[in-house]
Protein backbone atom coordinates (compact mmCIF):
# COMPACT_ATOMS: atom_id res chain seq x y z
CA MET A 1 189.68 81.65 131.87
CA PHE A 2 188.25 79.36 134.50
CA GLY A 3 191.45 79.07 136.64
CA PRO A 4 193.94 76.48 137.24
CA ILE A 5 191.43 73.63 138.09
CA PHE A 6 189.76 73.81 134.40
CA TYR A 7 193.49 74.39 132.93
CA ARG A 8 194.85 71.26 134.44
CA GLU A 9 192.01 69.29 133.13
CA ALA A 10 192.24 70.81 129.50
CA SER A 11 196.09 70.09 129.67
CA VAL A 12 195.80 66.72 131.00
CA ALA A 13 192.77 65.48 128.92
CA PRO A 14 194.60 65.21 125.43
CA LYS A 15 197.05 62.99 126.93
CA ARG A 16 195.02 60.28 127.73
CA PRO A 17 194.06 57.50 125.35
CA LYS A 18 190.70 56.99 126.68
CA THR A 19 189.60 60.73 125.74
CA PHE A 20 190.03 59.84 122.08
CA VAL A 21 188.48 56.13 122.68
CA ALA A 22 185.50 57.82 124.19
CA ARG A 23 184.91 60.02 121.40
CA GLY A 24 185.44 57.54 118.82
CA VAL A 25 183.12 54.91 120.30
CA TYR A 26 180.47 57.62 120.98
CA VAL A 27 180.21 58.51 117.23
CA LEU A 28 180.78 54.96 116.10
CA SER A 29 177.83 53.87 117.87
CA LEU A 30 175.73 56.74 116.42
CA PHE A 31 176.78 55.67 112.97
CA ILE A 32 176.12 52.01 113.89
CA LEU A 33 172.53 53.09 114.77
CA LEU A 34 172.12 55.01 111.49
CA CYS A 35 173.52 51.97 109.58
CA THR A 36 171.44 49.28 111.30
CA GLY A 37 168.32 51.56 110.71
CA TYR A 38 169.08 51.53 106.95
CA LEU A 39 169.90 47.79 106.75
CA VAL A 40 166.72 47.41 108.65
CA LEU A 41 164.52 49.47 106.13
CA ASP A 42 166.33 48.33 103.08
CA GLY A 43 165.57 44.80 104.02
CA SER A 44 161.76 45.43 103.66
CA ARG A 45 161.69 47.97 100.78
CA SER A 46 164.55 49.75 99.17
CA LEU A 47 165.22 53.49 99.36
CA ALA A 48 164.49 53.88 95.71
CA THR A 49 163.03 57.39 95.51
CA SER A 50 164.18 60.72 97.03
CA GLY A 51 161.15 60.35 99.31
CA ASP A 52 162.05 57.11 100.87
CA SER A 53 165.23 58.60 101.39
CA ALA A 54 164.18 61.81 102.97
CA ARG A 55 161.48 59.76 105.28
CA PHE A 56 164.37 57.69 106.42
CA GLY A 57 166.78 60.72 107.14
CA GLY A 58 163.88 62.38 109.18
CA TRP A 59 163.07 59.35 110.97
CA MET A 60 166.82 58.72 112.25
CA PHE A 61 166.95 62.12 113.07
CA THR A 62 164.03 62.29 115.29
CA LEU A 63 165.55 58.93 116.80
CA LEU A 64 169.22 60.02 117.39
CA ALA A 65 168.55 63.73 118.64
CA PRO A 66 166.54 62.44 121.82
CA LEU A 67 169.00 59.80 122.70
CA GLN A 68 172.13 62.09 122.43
CA LEU A 69 169.95 64.49 124.72
CA LEU A 70 169.29 61.81 127.14
CA VAL A 71 173.19 60.16 126.92
CA LEU A 72 174.92 63.70 127.38
CA ALA A 73 172.69 65.02 129.88
CA SER A 74 173.05 61.82 132.10
CA LEU A 75 176.59 61.80 131.61
CA SER A 76 176.95 65.46 132.40
CA ALA A 77 174.69 65.46 135.68
CA VAL A 78 176.22 62.13 137.26
CA GLY A 79 179.89 63.03 136.18
CA ALA A 80 179.56 66.44 137.78
CA ALA A 81 177.97 65.18 141.17
CA ALA A 82 180.41 62.37 141.08
CA SER A 83 183.32 64.28 140.72
CA VAL A 84 182.62 67.08 143.28
CA ALA A 85 181.41 64.63 145.85
CA GLN A 86 184.80 62.41 145.32
CA GLU A 87 186.89 65.73 146.14
CA LYS A 88 184.87 65.56 149.52
CA ASP A 89 185.29 62.02 150.03
CA ARG A 90 189.18 62.19 149.61
CA ARG A 91 189.21 65.47 151.60
CA THR A 92 191.04 67.44 148.87
CA LEU A 93 188.15 69.85 148.19
CA ILE A 94 189.09 71.19 151.85
CA LEU A 95 192.75 71.60 150.60
CA LEU A 96 191.44 73.74 147.45
CA LEU A 97 189.33 76.04 149.83
CA LEU A 98 192.69 76.65 151.85
CA THR A 99 194.34 77.91 148.85
CA ARG A 100 193.91 81.63 147.30
CA LEU A 101 191.72 80.13 144.59
CA SER A 102 188.19 82.33 144.37
CA GLY A 103 184.89 80.95 144.42
CA PHE A 104 184.66 81.25 140.73
CA GLU A 105 187.82 79.42 140.07
CA ILE A 106 186.58 76.52 142.14
CA VAL A 107 183.14 76.30 141.18
CA ALA A 108 183.26 77.45 137.46
CA GLY A 109 186.70 75.68 136.89
CA LYS A 110 185.07 72.08 138.44
CA LEU A 111 182.26 72.66 136.14
CA ALA A 112 184.12 73.53 132.95
CA ALA A 113 186.36 70.57 133.50
CA THR A 114 183.57 68.18 134.00
CA LEU A 115 181.72 69.61 130.86
CA ILE A 116 184.83 68.74 128.71
CA VAL A 117 183.88 65.33 128.08
CA PRO A 118 180.05 65.80 127.13
CA MET A 119 180.89 68.91 125.07
CA SER A 120 183.55 67.13 123.05
CA LEU A 121 181.12 64.36 122.51
CA LEU A 122 178.48 66.76 121.26
CA ILE A 123 181.00 68.31 119.01
CA GLY A 124 182.15 65.11 117.62
CA ALA A 125 178.88 63.80 116.77
CA LEU A 126 178.09 67.29 114.66
CA PRO A 127 179.62 66.13 111.43
CA LEU A 128 177.49 62.76 111.44
CA PHE A 129 174.16 65.03 112.20
CA LEU A 130 175.21 67.19 109.34
CA ALA A 131 175.40 64.37 107.05
CA LEU A 132 171.65 63.69 107.64
CA PRO A 133 170.34 66.69 105.52
CA LEU A 134 172.12 65.16 102.58
CA LEU A 135 169.42 62.22 102.91
CA GLY A 136 166.89 64.94 102.71
CA GLY A 137 163.86 65.36 105.30
CA VAL A 138 166.08 67.21 107.52
CA SER A 139 167.51 70.83 107.32
CA PRO A 140 170.72 72.21 108.54
CA THR A 141 168.74 74.64 110.82
CA GLN A 142 166.87 71.67 112.40
CA VAL A 143 170.33 70.13 113.43
CA LEU A 144 171.74 73.11 114.76
CA GLY A 145 168.77 73.95 116.71
CA VAL A 146 168.89 70.60 118.26
CA PHE A 147 172.42 70.86 118.91
CA PHE A 148 171.86 74.22 120.58
CA VAL A 149 168.95 72.63 122.85
CA THR A 150 171.53 69.90 123.72
CA ALA A 151 174.38 72.08 124.67
CA VAL A 152 172.44 74.31 126.98
CA THR A 153 170.61 71.37 128.77
CA VAL A 154 174.03 69.63 129.16
CA LEU A 155 175.13 73.13 130.71
CA LEU A 156 172.22 72.96 133.04
CA THR A 157 172.46 69.48 133.98
CA GLY A 158 176.12 69.86 134.81
CA SER A 159 175.57 73.00 136.92
CA VAL A 160 172.86 71.21 138.84
CA GLY A 161 175.46 68.43 139.41
CA THR A 162 178.16 70.65 140.37
CA VAL A 163 176.10 72.77 142.72
CA VAL A 164 174.28 69.66 144.55
CA GLY A 165 177.66 67.96 144.87
CA LEU A 166 179.22 71.00 146.62
CA TRP A 167 176.04 71.30 148.93
CA ARG A 168 175.65 67.51 150.01
CA GLU A 169 178.35 65.68 151.86
CA LYS A 170 177.96 62.21 150.45
CA THR A 171 178.29 60.86 147.15
CA PHE A 172 175.06 59.20 147.19
CA GLN A 173 173.16 62.06 148.29
CA ALA A 174 174.73 64.30 145.66
CA ILE A 175 173.82 61.77 142.68
CA ALA A 176 170.45 60.64 143.94
CA MET A 177 169.28 64.57 144.70
CA THR A 178 170.73 65.41 141.20
CA VAL A 179 168.86 62.97 139.47
CA LEU A 180 165.47 63.23 141.38
CA GLY A 181 165.96 67.30 141.17
CA LEU A 182 166.26 67.37 137.53
CA LEU A 183 163.20 64.64 137.14
CA ILE A 184 161.22 67.20 139.16
CA TYR A 185 162.04 70.04 137.08
CA MET A 186 161.37 68.16 133.83
CA GLY A 187 158.01 67.35 135.36
CA ILE A 188 157.22 70.94 136.50
CA GLY A 189 158.39 71.86 132.87
CA GLU A 190 155.87 69.24 131.38
CA LEU A 191 153.11 70.72 133.54
CA LEU A 192 153.80 74.32 132.51
CA ALA A 193 153.99 73.20 128.96
CA SER A 194 150.60 71.42 128.86
CA GLU A 195 147.59 73.23 127.75
CA VAL A 196 145.93 72.87 131.24
CA ALA A 197 148.34 75.20 132.68
CA GLY A 198 147.21 78.32 130.55
CA MET A 199 150.67 79.66 129.96
CA PRO A 200 151.26 81.85 127.00
CA GLU A 201 152.33 80.20 123.82
CA VAL A 202 156.10 81.75 123.74
CA THR A 203 156.71 80.53 127.27
CA ARG A 204 155.30 77.02 126.89
CA LEU A 205 158.63 75.76 126.31
CA ALA A 206 160.57 77.50 128.53
CA MET A 207 161.28 74.82 131.31
CA SER A 208 160.88 71.60 129.09
CA PRO A 209 163.88 70.20 127.11
CA VAL A 210 162.08 67.18 125.93
CA ARG A 211 159.26 69.41 124.13
CA ALA A 212 161.97 72.11 122.96
CA LEU A 213 164.07 69.46 121.32
CA ALA A 214 160.90 68.32 119.80
CA ALA A 215 160.15 71.51 118.64
CA ALA A 216 163.96 72.25 117.27
CA ALA A 217 163.73 68.70 115.37
CA SER A 218 160.37 69.71 113.76
CA PRO A 219 160.34 70.76 109.87
CA MET A 220 158.45 73.93 111.20
CA ALA A 221 161.20 74.91 113.38
CA SER A 222 163.02 76.99 110.53
CA LEU A 223 159.71 78.03 109.08
CA SER A 224 157.65 79.08 111.81
CA SER A 225 158.56 82.41 114.06
CA ASP A 226 156.44 81.13 117.00
CA THR A 227 158.51 77.97 117.08
CA SER A 228 161.89 80.04 116.79
CA ALA A 229 160.54 82.46 119.58
CA GLU A 230 159.77 79.44 121.80
CA LEU A 231 163.34 77.88 121.21
CA SER A 232 164.77 81.32 121.83
CA MET A 233 163.04 81.66 125.32
CA PHE A 234 164.04 78.12 126.08
CA LEU A 235 167.67 78.79 125.45
CA MET A 236 167.69 81.99 127.22
CA VAL A 237 165.59 80.82 130.32
CA THR A 238 168.04 77.61 130.84
CA PHE A 239 171.15 79.55 130.30
CA VAL A 240 170.06 82.25 132.70
CA PHE A 241 169.04 79.37 135.26
CA ALA A 242 172.21 77.54 135.20
CA LEU A 243 174.05 80.72 135.58
CA LEU A 244 171.92 81.32 138.66
CA LEU A 245 173.01 77.89 140.09
CA LEU A 246 176.42 78.52 139.34
CA LEU A 247 176.26 81.78 141.17
CA ILE A 248 174.78 80.16 143.96
CA GLY A 249 177.45 77.89 143.93
CA ILE A 250 180.23 80.53 143.77
CA LEU A 251 178.56 82.36 146.97
CA LYS A 252 177.98 79.40 149.05
CA VAL A 253 181.04 76.99 148.34
CA ARG A 254 183.06 78.13 151.41
CA VAL A 255 179.74 78.22 153.54
CA TRP A 256 178.96 74.74 152.72
CA ASN A 257 182.29 73.47 152.98
CA PRO A 258 183.58 72.13 155.52
CA SER A 259 180.31 70.77 156.16
CA ARG A 260 178.38 70.94 159.45
CA GLU A 261 178.88 67.39 160.11
CA LEU A 262 182.85 67.86 159.70
CA ARG A 263 182.48 70.85 161.98
CA LEU A 264 180.77 69.07 164.68
CA LYS A 265 183.10 66.27 164.49
CA SER A 266 185.91 68.32 164.92
CA THR A 267 184.42 70.26 167.75
CA ASN A 268 183.41 67.22 169.61
CA GLU A 269 186.53 65.82 169.22
CA SER A 270 188.61 68.94 170.43
CA ALA A 271 186.04 69.18 173.28
CA THR A 272 186.83 65.46 174.14
CA ALA A 273 190.34 65.93 174.25
CA ASP A 274 190.33 68.85 176.61
CA GLN A 275 188.03 66.99 178.87
CA ALA A 276 190.45 64.20 178.89
CA ASP A 277 193.04 66.70 179.69
CA GLN A 278 191.00 68.45 182.57
CA GLU A 279 190.00 65.07 184.33
CA GLY A 280 193.04 63.24 183.97
CA SER A 281 193.07 59.64 184.99
CA THR A 282 189.22 60.25 186.05
CA TRP A 283 188.08 60.47 182.42
CA ARG A 284 186.05 57.52 180.97
CA ALA A 285 185.57 56.75 177.51
CA ARG A 286 181.73 56.34 176.39
CA GLU A 287 180.46 52.98 176.71
CA PRO A 288 180.68 51.23 173.30
CA ARG A 289 177.56 50.20 171.29
CA SER A 290 176.65 46.74 171.01
CA VAL A 291 177.73 45.29 167.33
CA TRP A 292 175.96 42.47 165.27
CA GLU A 293 177.96 39.35 164.34
CA ASN A 294 178.34 41.03 160.91
CA PRO A 295 179.89 44.42 161.82
CA VAL A 296 179.35 45.56 157.89
CA LEU A 297 175.55 44.85 158.04
CA TRP A 298 175.38 46.58 161.49
CA ARG A 299 177.09 49.60 160.20
CA GLU A 300 174.52 49.80 157.09
CA VAL A 301 171.46 49.28 159.01
CA CYS A 302 172.27 50.87 162.78
CA THR A 303 174.04 54.12 161.62
CA TRP A 304 173.68 57.07 159.23
CA ALA A 305 176.28 55.39 156.84
CA TYR A 306 175.29 57.76 154.09
CA GLY A 307 174.42 60.78 155.96
CA ARG A 308 171.16 61.99 157.67
CA LYS A 309 170.34 63.84 154.59
CA ILE A 310 169.37 60.76 152.96
CA VAL A 311 165.84 61.32 154.22
CA LEU A 312 165.29 63.97 151.79
CA ILE A 313 166.21 61.91 149.04
CA ARG A 314 163.64 59.51 150.17
CA ILE A 315 161.05 62.01 150.38
CA ALA A 316 161.85 63.00 146.89
CA PHE A 317 161.50 59.66 145.41
CA VAL A 318 158.12 59.43 147.28
CA PHE A 319 156.83 62.75 145.66
CA PHE A 320 158.22 61.17 141.92
CA PHE A 321 156.48 57.89 143.08
CA LEU A 322 153.00 59.78 143.92
CA LEU A 323 153.36 61.67 140.34
CA ILE A 324 153.83 58.57 138.51
CA GLY A 325 151.11 56.95 140.91
CA GLY A 326 148.78 59.78 139.63
CA VAL A 327 149.52 59.39 135.98
CA LEU A 328 148.52 55.65 136.26
CA GLN A 329 145.26 56.58 138.14
CA VAL A 330 144.20 58.82 135.32
CA GLN A 331 144.76 56.07 133.06
CA VAL A 332 143.03 53.66 135.04
CA SER A 333 139.86 55.96 135.42
CA SER A 334 139.79 56.92 131.80
CA GLY A 335 140.11 53.34 130.79
CA LEU A 336 143.54 53.91 128.92
CA ALA A 337 145.19 51.39 130.89
CA PHE A 338 142.82 48.54 129.96
CA GLU A 339 143.75 49.06 126.31
CA SER A 340 146.55 46.94 124.54
CA GLY A 341 149.09 48.44 122.48
CA GLY A 342 147.89 47.22 119.33
CA GLN A 343 144.40 48.95 119.80
CA ILE A 344 145.89 52.39 120.60
CA GLY A 345 148.24 52.40 117.83
CA ARG A 346 151.31 51.97 120.15
CA ALA A 347 154.04 49.30 120.68
CA LEU A 348 153.57 49.13 124.33
CA PRO A 349 150.42 49.48 126.68
CA SER A 350 149.83 53.08 128.04
CA ALA A 351 150.59 51.80 131.57
CA THR A 352 153.89 50.23 130.72
CA LEU A 353 155.98 53.56 130.12
CA PRO A 354 155.26 55.35 133.48
CA LEU A 355 155.67 52.35 135.53
CA ALA A 356 159.16 51.33 133.47
CA GLY A 357 160.08 54.96 134.03
CA LEU A 358 159.82 54.57 137.62
CA GLY A 359 161.42 51.30 137.62
CA VAL A 360 164.67 52.33 135.73
CA ILE A 361 165.09 55.43 138.07
CA SER A 362 164.87 52.97 140.93
CA LEU A 363 167.41 50.70 139.51
CA VAL A 364 169.61 53.50 138.88
CA LEU A 365 169.47 54.75 142.41
CA VAL A 366 169.89 51.37 144.09
CA ASN A 367 172.75 50.74 141.84
CA ALA A 368 174.44 54.10 142.82
CA LEU A 369 173.74 53.33 146.46
CA ALA A 370 175.76 50.05 145.92
CA VAL A 371 178.73 51.42 144.40
CA ASN A 372 178.98 54.26 146.49
CA SER A 373 178.94 51.53 149.43
CA VAL A 374 182.29 50.49 148.26
CA THR A 375 183.74 53.74 147.01
CA ASN A 376 182.97 55.55 150.34
CA GLU A 377 184.84 52.75 152.17
CA ARG A 378 187.79 53.10 149.82
CA ASP A 379 188.06 56.92 149.87
CA GLY A 380 187.63 57.09 153.70
CA LEU A 381 190.78 54.65 154.11
CA ALA A 382 188.52 52.12 155.70
CA LEU A 383 188.78 49.46 152.86
CA ASP A 384 192.39 49.08 153.34
CA LEU A 385 191.65 48.13 157.11
CA LEU A 386 189.05 45.89 156.56
CA LEU A 387 191.16 43.99 154.19
CA VAL A 388 193.84 43.29 157.35
CA THR A 389 190.95 42.14 159.73
CA ASP A 390 189.66 38.65 160.02
CA LEU A 391 186.33 39.95 158.26
CA SER A 392 185.46 37.28 155.69
CA PRO A 393 184.56 37.83 152.14
CA LYS A 394 181.17 36.56 152.98
CA GLU A 395 180.30 39.03 155.53
CA PHE A 396 181.48 41.93 153.67
CA VAL A 397 179.62 41.17 150.34
CA PHE A 398 176.32 39.96 151.86
CA GLY A 399 176.81 42.87 154.32
CA LYS A 400 176.61 45.49 151.74
CA LEU A 401 174.02 43.71 149.70
CA LEU A 402 171.53 43.37 152.50
CA GLY A 403 172.58 47.10 153.86
CA VAL A 404 171.83 48.45 150.22
CA VAL A 405 168.62 46.67 150.33
CA TYR A 406 167.54 48.03 153.69
CA VAL A 407 168.82 51.77 153.00
CA GLY A 408 167.20 51.79 149.88
CA LYS A 409 164.01 49.91 150.75
CA GLU A 410 161.55 52.41 149.46
CA MET A 411 163.01 52.59 145.96
CA ILE A 412 162.55 48.77 145.90
CA ILE A 413 159.10 48.52 147.55
CA LEU A 414 157.03 51.51 145.89
CA PRO A 415 157.48 50.28 142.22
CA ILE A 416 156.18 46.86 143.60
CA LEU A 417 153.38 48.37 145.15
CA LEU A 418 152.40 49.98 141.74
CA VAL A 419 152.49 46.47 139.92
CA ILE A 420 150.13 45.22 142.67
CA TYR A 421 147.68 48.17 142.22
CA LEU A 422 147.67 47.58 138.45
CA ALA A 423 146.57 43.87 139.18
CA VAL A 424 144.02 44.82 141.86
CA GLN A 425 142.69 47.19 139.20
CA GLY A 426 142.56 44.39 136.50
CA VAL A 427 144.83 46.08 134.08
CA MET A 428 147.16 43.09 134.53
CA SER A 429 146.40 39.20 135.89
CA PHE A 430 147.67 38.11 139.11
CA GLU A 431 149.75 35.36 137.39
CA SER A 432 151.61 38.41 135.16
CA MET A 433 151.83 40.31 138.49
CA ALA A 434 153.80 37.64 140.23
CA TYR A 435 156.10 37.37 137.32
CA ALA A 436 156.65 40.92 137.03
CA ILE A 437 157.48 41.10 141.04
CA LEU A 438 159.97 38.23 140.92
CA SER A 439 161.53 39.72 137.62
CA THR A 440 161.89 43.05 139.69
CA LEU A 441 163.50 41.42 142.51
CA ILE A 442 165.95 39.82 140.15
CA LEU A 443 166.77 42.93 138.42
CA PHE A 444 167.25 44.80 141.92
CA ASN A 445 169.82 42.05 142.93
CA PHE A 446 171.68 42.22 139.67
CA ALA A 447 171.77 46.01 140.13
CA ILE A 448 173.22 45.78 143.53
CA MET A 449 175.57 43.09 142.97
CA LEU A 450 176.67 45.02 139.74
CA GLY A 451 177.31 48.20 141.93
CA LEU A 452 179.44 46.19 144.34
CA HIS A 453 181.40 44.76 141.65
CA CYS A 454 182.22 47.87 139.78
CA GLY A 455 183.37 49.37 143.37
CA LEU A 456 185.55 46.62 144.15
CA ASN A 457 187.30 46.48 140.55
CA TYR A 458 187.57 50.36 139.85
CA VAL A 459 190.24 52.32 142.10
CA SER A 460 188.38 55.63 140.82
CA GLY A 461 185.25 56.31 142.30
CA ARG A 462 183.98 58.21 139.56
CA THR A 463 184.94 55.42 137.00
CA ALA A 464 183.28 53.23 138.99
CA ILE A 465 180.06 55.04 139.43
CA LEU A 466 179.85 55.91 135.69
CA ASN A 467 180.60 52.41 134.68
CA SER A 468 178.16 51.01 136.70
CA ILE A 469 175.40 53.27 136.03
CA GLY A 470 176.21 52.99 132.36
CA THR A 471 175.90 49.51 132.30
CA VAL A 472 172.51 49.71 133.74
CA PHE A 473 171.59 52.80 131.26
CA PHE A 474 172.60 50.42 128.21
CA LEU A 475 170.70 47.58 129.27
CA CYS A 476 167.54 49.57 129.86
CA VAL A 477 167.89 51.87 127.10
CA GLY A 478 170.25 50.65 124.51
CA ILE A 479 168.03 47.45 124.02
CA ALA A 480 165.02 49.49 124.07
CA ILE A 481 166.36 51.96 121.05
CA CYS A 482 166.88 48.61 119.30
CA MET A 483 163.54 47.61 119.80
CA THR A 484 162.18 51.00 118.68
CA ILE A 485 163.86 50.65 115.45
CA MET A 486 162.32 47.10 114.65
CA VAL A 487 158.78 47.84 115.72
CA SER A 488 158.84 51.26 113.81
CA PHE A 489 160.14 49.63 110.43
CA ARG A 490 158.21 46.61 111.04
CA GLY A 491 159.97 44.55 108.40
CA ALA A 492 160.64 40.87 108.25
CA PHE A 493 162.57 39.56 111.34
CA GLN A 494 164.91 37.49 109.47
CA LEU A 495 165.97 40.63 107.55
CA GLN A 496 166.50 42.55 110.57
CA LEU A 497 168.43 39.73 112.62
CA ALA A 498 171.65 40.35 111.17
CA PRO A 499 172.14 44.14 111.85
CA PHE A 500 170.64 43.91 115.39
CA LEU A 501 173.23 40.96 115.93
CA VAL A 502 176.06 43.24 115.17
CA MET A 503 174.77 45.86 117.69
CA ILE A 504 174.33 43.36 120.45
CA LEU A 505 177.43 41.80 119.95
CA GLY A 506 179.03 45.53 120.03
CA GLY A 507 177.10 46.06 123.21
CA GLY A 508 178.25 42.57 124.53
CA ALA A 509 181.69 43.55 123.99
CA ALA A 510 181.59 46.89 125.70
CA LEU A 511 179.74 45.02 128.62
CA PHE A 512 182.68 42.79 128.72
CA ALA A 513 185.19 45.50 128.53
CA SER A 514 183.28 47.16 131.68
CA LEU A 515 182.63 43.91 133.81
CA GLY A 516 185.77 42.12 133.06
CA TRP A 517 188.15 45.21 133.05
CA ARG A 518 190.08 43.82 135.66
CA ASN A 519 189.46 40.23 136.17
CA PRO A 520 188.08 38.63 132.87
CA SER A 521 186.94 35.20 133.42
CA SER A 522 184.89 32.50 131.03
CA ALA A 523 181.68 33.21 133.32
CA VAL A 524 181.78 37.21 132.80
CA PHE A 525 182.52 36.47 129.06
CA PHE A 526 179.49 34.39 128.50
CA ALA A 527 177.49 36.69 130.62
CA SER A 528 178.42 39.82 128.91
CA PHE A 529 177.65 38.60 125.64
CA GLY A 530 174.55 36.57 126.68
CA LEU A 531 172.69 39.24 128.61
CA PRO A 532 172.14 41.71 125.89
CA LEU A 533 170.68 38.79 123.81
CA VAL A 534 168.44 37.70 126.92
CA THR A 535 167.00 41.38 127.46
CA PHE A 536 166.37 41.60 123.69
CA TYR A 537 164.46 38.26 123.72
CA ALA A 538 162.44 39.06 127.03
CA ILE A 539 161.51 42.59 125.53
CA THR A 540 160.56 40.98 122.17
CA GLN A 541 158.28 38.50 123.91
CA PHE A 542 156.65 41.27 125.93
CA LEU A 543 156.01 43.32 122.67
CA LEU A 544 154.32 40.11 121.00
CA GLN A 545 151.91 39.98 124.18
CA THR A 546 152.90 36.20 124.53
CA ASP A 547 152.95 34.27 127.84
CA HIS A 548 154.78 36.41 130.34
CA LEU A 549 156.18 32.92 131.66
CA TYR A 550 158.86 33.22 128.79
CA VAL A 551 159.82 36.69 129.46
CA PHE A 552 160.11 35.79 133.41
CA VAL A 553 162.56 32.62 132.40
CA ALA A 554 164.41 34.57 130.20
CA LEU A 555 165.28 37.29 132.82
CA LEU A 556 165.75 34.53 135.38
CA SER A 557 168.37 32.64 133.55
CA GLY A 558 170.56 35.70 132.18
CA TYR A 559 170.56 38.03 135.14
CA VAL A 560 171.05 35.38 137.74
CA PHE A 561 173.87 33.87 135.82
CA THR A 562 175.54 37.16 135.46
CA THR A 563 174.94 38.21 139.10
CA ALA A 564 176.45 34.74 140.04
CA ALA A 565 179.45 35.42 137.73
CA MET A 566 180.24 38.80 139.38
CA MET A 567 179.17 37.34 143.22
CA ILE A 568 181.40 33.97 143.13
CA PRO A 569 184.69 35.93 142.56
CA ALA A 570 183.88 38.17 145.21
CA LEU A 571 182.96 35.61 147.67
CA SER A 572 185.96 33.41 146.86
CA GLU A 573 188.33 35.89 147.92
CA PHE A 574 188.55 39.61 149.01
CA ASP A 575 189.67 40.54 145.43
CA VAL A 576 189.89 44.41 145.64
CA SER A 577 191.76 46.53 143.12
CA LEU A 578 194.48 48.29 145.04
CA GLU A 579 197.41 48.74 142.22
CA ARG A 580 197.13 52.42 142.49
CA GLY A 581 197.80 54.78 145.13
CA ARG A 582 195.09 57.08 146.48
CA GLY A 583 197.09 60.06 144.83
CA ALA A 584 197.16 58.61 141.48
CA VAL A 585 195.42 60.89 138.96
CA GLY A 586 195.35 58.89 135.93
CA ASP A 587 191.83 57.83 136.34
CA GLU A 588 190.52 60.98 137.55
CA GLY A 589 192.43 63.83 135.74
């Protein structure tokens, strides 16, 4: 239906054990969250009546539905962009363009092959969600509405990732522009959905997946004709927009590829060769540029190692920063930012969520930049050459680390400026500001080293990117979900500790499988199981509004130890995974 690219992936995927492991782990994780919520609630008050059961089912449904949307949409977007970008890095996309494959078979086939994983996870979770109506408080119509909203959103994010990957040459450019583009799209959707925009009722949810999901999960979704019309409008607009993006990719795939950079490079090489033939012995090579003592750092800082279009990523991030800054300015002007969480009926102060959102996006982008700095070398056949030079591991690791800091300086500095702004306005004390800045620097250092670690240990670039970003996602979102359950049920901590330890230990096992997949060690083992506990403790202390010194000390001990556990083996020897050749397809499919 979609050509040989999709047919091959659909034929190979059932032969991989990790396909079924991923589905089982995903559904099991949702089931553990459901069981954790039940154990926490049952520890404080038993589900003795049908009303208690209905309230529990409805609350868990409103928790799991957004989590599923976030996980699958992120997997679809990043996976699609990384998959296409890796085809470019390995020069296999050019080979596909030289065949008789049509633009539809290449673009739609690549998109459909990428969507196999998230769509199979979505279908696999359907029976679990359909069990929630048995508890009461949720109807099958709500479940199906949420799944339709999630499916079209996954289709849209996959289309954006595929088209941007075909458009941009570098992997980091594709991932970063996909993430920032989707964030801007959601921001526009929220703006149109607000009452200030004055949009008609039926079109308010047309571009807002978050509001559409909330409307589909609402008990009034099956009773209100207006809500059904709004959801139908969202499904239609999102589906049409995804098809338009796909059409653009089909029409432009052979225009964008090979890219202008490759064409200019090929033209310059041909012109140089012709000039050499004409001038003969009088031809002289261009005078070489002066290189620093650390050539890796010199390349990161003094060349366009990630492409010239990285300027567009910086502009898009600055735009997103200004948007978050505007939200914080409104909160400061209205006085909302000065109110604590308890006074406004929230678990967190109002200024925390926008600032945390910007911080998480910055961590994800910097982490993607770090892992891409290594996978680019591998896919460009440069890493093999570096291994046979006299370049020391110290020069390589610190050159990459400092180079990522320089290239992503805007993503590191701008969140810190917002923290300073809130301190100047009196929203936080200067002592808390100092702790927040130091903690931010520790987290960025961890994210960069995590990216380098995954890039060195995974042969597949796509696998390295997904594992690295997935680890950051788990630490930022997974622990937050645990805290959300705890705060919402507000039971006794001693009754909640056991189920939360099960979740955190399960997360530690998954973290150890990711970080120690190739070279397990005692340090990585303790870091994997200790880091979720440290993060859990830090967030707990922050929610309890205790001395922020405890939060800083927890982050300092946990994340610095984990960073050292990844850095020391990399510095002791050039330990790079080279077991499988570049033509191996076991990890790629």
